Amino acid sequence: MSAPIRSLEGHDEATILREIRAALHGLRFGSVEITVHNGQVVQIERKEKFRLQAQSQKAS
């Protein structure tokens, strides 16, 4: 799953940090990418991975 949260250009530092914390909240496997243009954060993208493990078959 990959989706930009919202454009952050022109927002204050506290708002940007709050959005970064929100993107990290509850993330177990994945990444948070911060895009910067002309020295300003313009996008925060959260990529989350869900790992599925096959259940091992036990001999009866």
Protein backbone atom coordinates (compact mmCIF):
# COMPACT_ATOMS: atom_id res chain seq x y z
CA MET A 1 0.00 0.00 0.00
CA SER A 2 1.46 3.33 -1.02
CA ALA A 3 -0.30 6.67 -0.86
CA PRO A 4 0.80 10.24 -0.25
CA ILE A 5 -0.74 11.72 2.90
CA ARG A 6 -1.11 15.27 1.53
CA SER A 7 0.91 18.17 0.18
CA LEU A 8 2.71 19.98 3.02
CA GLU A 9 4.24 22.89 1.14
CA GLY A 10 3.87 26.11 3.12
CA HIS A 11 3.03 24.42 6.46
CA ASP A 12 4.93 25.10 9.66
CA GLU A 13 7.51 22.73 11.15
CA ALA A 14 5.19 21.51 13.93
CA THR A 15 2.55 20.45 11.39
CA ILE A 16 5.13 18.60 9.29
CA LEU A 17 6.54 16.78 12.34
CA ARG A 18 3.00 15.84 13.41
CA GLU A 19 2.34 14.35 9.96
CA ILE A 20 5.63 12.39 10.05
CA ARG A 21 4.72 10.98 13.48
CA ALA A 22 1.27 10.03 12.16
CA ALA A 23 2.87 8.21 9.21
CA LEU A 24 5.16 6.27 11.58
CA HIS A 25 2.41 5.43 14.08
CA GLY A 26 1.62 1.72 14.04
CA LEU A 27 4.07 0.96 11.22
CA ARG A 28 5.67 -2.45 11.84
CA PHE A 29 7.20 -3.25 8.44
CA GLY A 30 7.70 -0.68 5.73
CA SER A 31 9.05 2.80 5.16
CA VAL A 32 8.20 6.48 5.36
CA GLU A 33 9.52 8.63 2.51
CA ILE A 34 9.77 12.41 2.84
CA THR A 35 9.95 14.38 -0.42
CA VAL A 36 11.63 17.79 -0.34
CA HIS A 37 11.58 20.44 -3.10
CA ASN A 38 13.47 23.72 -2.77
CA GLY A 39 14.18 23.03 0.90
CA GLN A 40 10.52 22.41 1.82
CA VAL A 41 8.74 19.16 2.65
CA VAL A 42 6.09 18.70 -0.02
CA GLN A 43 5.00 15.09 0.51
CA ILE A 44 5.12 12.27 3.03
CA GLU A 45 4.55 8.77 1.72
CA ARG A 46 3.97 5.68 3.85
CA LYS A 47 4.65 2.23 2.40
CA GLU A 48 3.47 -0.62 4.58
CA LYS A 49 4.29 -4.27 4.09
CA PHE A 50 2.25 -7.13 5.42
CA ARG A 51 4.20 -10.33 5.84
CA LEU A 52 2.31 -13.56 5.63
CA GLN A 53 3.91 -16.72 6.92
CA ALA A 54 2.76 -20.15 5.83
CA GLN A 55 1.68 -22.32 8.74
CA SER A 56 3.90 -25.36 9.08
CA GLN A 57 2.18 -28.74 8.88
CA LYS A 58 2.90 -30.89 11.92
CA ALA A 59 2.87 -34.67 11.52
CA SER A 60 0.17 -36.33 13.62
